[in-house]
């Protein structure tokens, strides 16, 4: 065989081998599936750094009734991302977010309305709330020992003392509420004037009301 033919066949074999390997690498690479920012997800699947006290999965709430089958914090993906970012900021200061309530299916909102049919305490399910849209959280913060920071009133206290605008509080309590609000607003949330614990994701206010339920493990 001539030197030319030897060179030709060797070059062809080398090209085929490289091309074949490249194709194998291309097809064997894992396909990345991005999650839409409006998809409902479970917070615990994305972070283990939160403290949970999901009140409506117990009877320890103003309704005196358990309305959730299990204590899960489900939210839209964009809310989870913003909440994790806020929690990371708290962690830098030695605190963590404590969760009382997250996404609330519309069917649960209706059940709550049947128990307490007063818009002062429960949003009318005909209109729905940001909780029903997956863009609201009810929270506080705990210190490095797991002790809840003093915010002046318990969660779901419906007196004027729970308002961000209430002034007859100690300097410490005012400072604690201001700290909570500062970190949350920095990370894309709005406060709710009458409830120091309630925060809405600004980017989630126009999402649709949903009745998506989750499975209990």
Protein backbone atom coordinates (compact mmCIF):
# COMPACT_ATOMS: atom_id res chain seq x y z
CA UNK A 1 0.00 0.00 0.00
CA UNK A 2 1.34 3.40 -0.90
CA UNK A 3 2.29 5.95 1.74
CA UNK A 4 -0.51 8.18 0.44
CA UNK A 5 -3.19 5.52 0.96
CA UNK A 6 -1.86 4.65 4.40
CA UNK A 7 -2.03 8.32 5.36
CA UNK A 8 -5.56 8.62 3.90
CA UNK A 9 -6.98 5.61 5.81
CA UNK A 10 -5.31 6.68 9.08
CA UNK A 11 -6.71 10.20 8.82
CA UNK A 12 -10.16 8.83 8.05
CA UNK A 13 -10.08 6.45 11.02
CA UNK A 14 -8.93 9.22 13.35
CA UNK A 15 -11.72 11.54 12.17
CA UNK A 16 -14.37 8.80 12.59
CA UNK A 17 -13.10 7.95 16.09
CA UNK A 18 -13.14 11.57 17.25
CA UNK A 19 -16.57 12.18 15.70
CA UNK A 20 -17.96 9.01 17.29
CA UNK A 21 -16.62 9.95 20.72
CA UNK A 22 -18.01 13.47 20.38
CA UNK A 23 -21.46 12.08 19.56
CA UNK A 24 -21.34 9.71 22.53
CA UNK A 25 -20.41 12.59 24.82
CA UNK A 26 -23.20 14.70 23.40
CA UNK A 27 -25.88 12.07 23.93
CA UNK A 28 -24.61 10.95 27.33
CA UNK A 29 -24.61 14.45 28.84
CA UNK A 30 -27.49 14.92 31.32
CA UNK A 31 -30.31 17.14 30.14
CA UNK A 32 -30.96 20.04 32.48
CA UNK A 33 -34.62 20.62 33.28
CA UNK A 34 -35.18 24.16 34.49
CA UNK A 35 -38.07 24.75 36.87
CA UNK A 36 -40.44 27.56 35.91
CA UNK A 37 -40.58 30.34 38.49
CA UNK A 38 -44.35 29.82 38.84
CA UNK A 39 -44.11 26.07 39.51
CA UNK A 40 -45.18 24.95 42.98
CA UNK A 41 -42.35 23.26 44.90
CA UNK A 42 -41.68 22.13 48.45
CA UNK A 43 -39.27 24.44 50.28
CA UNK A 44 -37.55 21.57 52.11
CA UNK A 45 -36.40 20.15 48.75
CA UNK A 46 -34.28 23.26 48.20
CA UNK A 47 -33.06 24.16 51.69
CA UNK A 48 -32.74 22.54 55.12
CA UNK A 49 -32.03 25.83 56.88
CA UNK A 50 -35.54 26.82 57.98
CA UNK A 51 -37.44 26.27 61.21
CA UNK A 52 -41.06 25.09 60.90
CA UNK A 53 -44.07 25.73 63.12
CA UNK A 54 -46.90 25.30 60.63
CA UNK A 55 -49.78 26.43 62.80
CA UNK A 56 -52.68 25.40 60.56
CA UNK A 57 -51.49 21.81 60.53
CA UNK A 58 -52.29 21.84 64.26
CA UNK A 59 -55.09 23.13 66.45
CA UNK A 60 -52.75 25.76 67.91
CA UNK A 61 -54.19 28.65 65.89
CA UNK A 62 -56.97 31.22 66.09
CA UNK A 63 -59.36 28.84 64.30
CA UNK A 64 -58.79 26.18 66.99
CA UNK A 65 -58.93 23.67 64.14
CA UNK A 66 -56.46 21.67 62.05
CA UNK A 67 -57.08 22.57 58.41
CA UNK A 68 -53.90 21.20 56.76
CA UNK A 69 -53.38 17.45 56.57
CA UNK A 70 -49.63 17.86 57.09
CA UNK A 71 -47.07 20.52 57.84
CA UNK A 72 -45.50 21.27 54.45
CA UNK A 73 -44.29 24.63 53.13
CA UNK A 74 -45.20 24.71 49.43
CA UNK A 75 -44.59 27.88 47.41
CA UNK A 76 -43.98 28.98 43.85
CA UNK A 77 -40.36 28.57 42.79
CA UNK A 78 -39.68 32.31 42.64
CA UNK A 79 -40.97 32.71 46.20
CA UNK A 80 -38.71 29.89 47.38
CA UNK A 81 -35.69 31.51 45.72
CA UNK A 82 -36.41 34.90 47.31
CA UNK A 83 -37.07 33.29 50.71
CA UNK A 84 -33.79 31.35 50.63
CA UNK A 85 -31.93 34.55 49.71
CA UNK A 86 -33.55 36.33 52.68
CA UNK A 87 -32.72 33.43 55.00
CA UNK A 88 -29.08 33.54 53.87
CA UNK A 89 -28.97 37.19 54.91
CA UNK A 90 -30.45 36.34 58.31
CA UNK A 91 -27.96 33.49 58.76
CA UNK A 92 -25.07 35.93 58.29
CA UNK A 93 -26.41 37.74 61.38
CA UNK A 94 -26.95 34.56 63.39
CA UNK A 95 -30.68 34.04 62.75
CA UNK A 96 -33.00 31.80 60.73
CA UNK A 97 -36.51 32.18 59.39
CA UNK A 98 -39.28 30.40 61.27
CA UNK A 99 -42.30 29.56 59.12
CA UNK A 100 -45.93 29.60 60.27
CA UNK A 101 -47.74 29.42 56.92
CA UNK A 102 -46.91 29.29 53.21
CA UNK A 103 -49.06 28.46 50.18
CA UNK A 104 -52.68 27.83 51.07
CA UNK A 105 -54.86 25.97 48.53
CA UNK A 106 -58.16 27.67 47.77
CA UNK A 107 -60.07 24.69 49.21
CA UNK A 108 -58.33 25.31 52.55
CA UNK A 109 -59.20 29.01 52.31
CA UNK A 110 -62.86 28.00 51.90
CA UNK A 111 -62.63 25.70 54.91
CA UNK A 112 -61.16 28.52 57.01
CA UNK A 113 -63.92 30.85 55.82
CA UNK A 114 -66.55 28.33 56.93
CA UNK A 115 -65.04 28.37 60.43
CA UNK A 116 -64.54 32.14 60.67
CA UNK A 117 -66.52 34.08 58.06
CA UNK A 118 -65.01 37.45 58.86
CA UNK A 119 -62.76 39.27 56.36
CA UNK A 120 -60.98 40.92 59.28
CA UNK A 121 -59.46 37.53 60.14
CA UNK A 122 -59.80 35.37 56.99
CA UNK A 123 -59.64 36.50 53.35
CA UNK A 124 -62.87 35.86 51.45
CA UNK A 125 -62.20 32.88 49.13
CA UNK A 126 -64.26 34.59 46.41
CA UNK A 127 -61.39 37.05 46.07
CA UNK A 128 -58.58 34.82 47.29
CA UNK A 129 -55.41 35.92 49.04
CA UNK A 130 -51.71 36.04 48.17
CA UNK A 131 -51.39 32.84 50.25
CA UNK A 132 -53.67 31.19 47.64
CA UNK A 133 -51.29 32.38 44.92
CA UNK A 134 -48.16 30.86 46.44
CA UNK A 135 -46.54 34.24 47.01
CA UNK A 136 -47.06 34.87 50.72
CA UNK A 137 -45.37 33.64 53.88
CA UNK A 138 -46.08 34.11 57.57
CA UNK A 139 -42.77 34.16 59.42
CA UNK A 140 -40.65 35.18 62.37
CA UNK A 141 -36.97 34.59 63.13
CA UNK A 142 -35.08 32.54 65.73
CA UNK A 143 -31.60 33.07 67.13
CA UNK A 144 -28.68 30.63 67.05
CA UNK A 145 -30.17 28.77 70.04
CA UNK A 146 -33.52 28.33 68.30
CA UNK A 147 -35.23 30.90 70.52
CA UNK A 148 -37.84 32.98 68.77
CA UNK A 149 -37.06 36.69 68.63
CA UNK A 150 -39.52 38.86 70.57
CA UNK A 151 -41.85 40.64 68.15
CA UNK A 152 -44.25 41.94 70.79
CA UNK A 153 -47.24 39.72 69.98
CA UNK A 154 -47.77 36.08 69.01
CA UNK A 155 -48.43 35.07 65.41
CA UNK A 156 -52.05 35.71 64.32
CA UNK A 157 -52.65 38.27 67.05
CA UNK A 158 -55.35 40.53 65.64
CA UNK A 159 -55.00 43.54 67.93
CA UNK A 160 -53.49 46.87 66.94
CA UNK A 161 -50.28 45.88 68.70
CA UNK A 162 -49.40 43.59 65.77
CA UNK A 163 -49.24 46.51 63.33
CA UNK A 164 -45.94 47.77 61.94
CA UNK A 165 -47.20 51.28 62.72
CA UNK A 166 -47.88 50.63 66.42
CA UNK A 167 -45.45 52.70 68.48
CA UNK A 168 -46.16 51.74 72.10
CA UNK A 169 -43.51 49.02 72.10
CA UNK A 170 -40.04 48.64 73.60
CA UNK A 171 -36.99 49.71 71.59
CA UNK A 172 -35.95 46.06 71.36
CA UNK A 173 -39.24 44.93 69.82
CA UNK A 174 -39.27 47.84 67.38
CA UNK A 175 -35.70 46.98 66.40
CA UNK A 176 -36.59 43.31 65.90
CA UNK A 177 -39.53 44.12 63.62
CA UNK A 178 -37.44 46.64 61.70
CA UNK A 179 -34.69 44.04 61.20
CA UNK A 180 -37.20 41.46 59.92
CA UNK A 181 -38.76 43.96 57.55
CA UNK A 182 -35.43 45.29 56.26
CA UNK A 183 -34.12 41.87 55.21
CA UNK A 184 -37.42 40.75 53.68
CA UNK A 185 -37.98 43.94 51.65
CA UNK A 186 -34.36 43.80 50.47
CA UNK A 187 -35.13 40.38 48.99
CA UNK A 188 -38.27 41.32 47.09
CA UNK A 189 -41.05 41.08 49.67
CA UNK A 190 -43.65 43.62 50.80
CA UNK A 191 -44.80 43.85 54.41
CA UNK A 192 -48.45 43.84 55.46
CA UNK A 193 -49.25 46.84 57.69
CA UNK A 194 -51.45 45.15 60.27
CA UNK A 195 -49.45 41.90 60.63
CA UNK A 196 -45.72 42.02 61.43
CA UNK A 197 -45.37 38.34 60.37
CA UNK A 198 -46.92 38.53 56.89
CA UNK A 199 -44.84 39.11 53.74
CA UNK A 200 -45.87 39.06 50.08
CA UNK A 201 -43.50 38.51 47.19
CA UNK A 202 -43.86 41.59 44.97
CA UNK A 203 -43.29 39.48 41.85
CA UNK A 204 -46.12 37.12 42.84
CA UNK A 205 -49.00 39.52 43.35
CA UNK A 206 -50.53 38.92 39.92
CA UNK A 207 -50.25 35.13 39.87
CA UNK A 208 -53.47 33.17 39.65
CA UNK A 209 -55.27 31.77 42.68
CA UNK A 210 -54.59 28.04 42.85
CA UNK A 211 -56.12 24.98 44.48
CA UNK A 212 -53.14 22.68 44.04
CA UNK A 213 -52.81 20.26 46.94
CA UNK A 214 -49.76 18.27 47.96
CA UNK A 215 -49.26 14.71 49.13
CA UNK A 216 -48.37 14.06 52.75
CA UNK A 217 -45.40 11.77 53.29
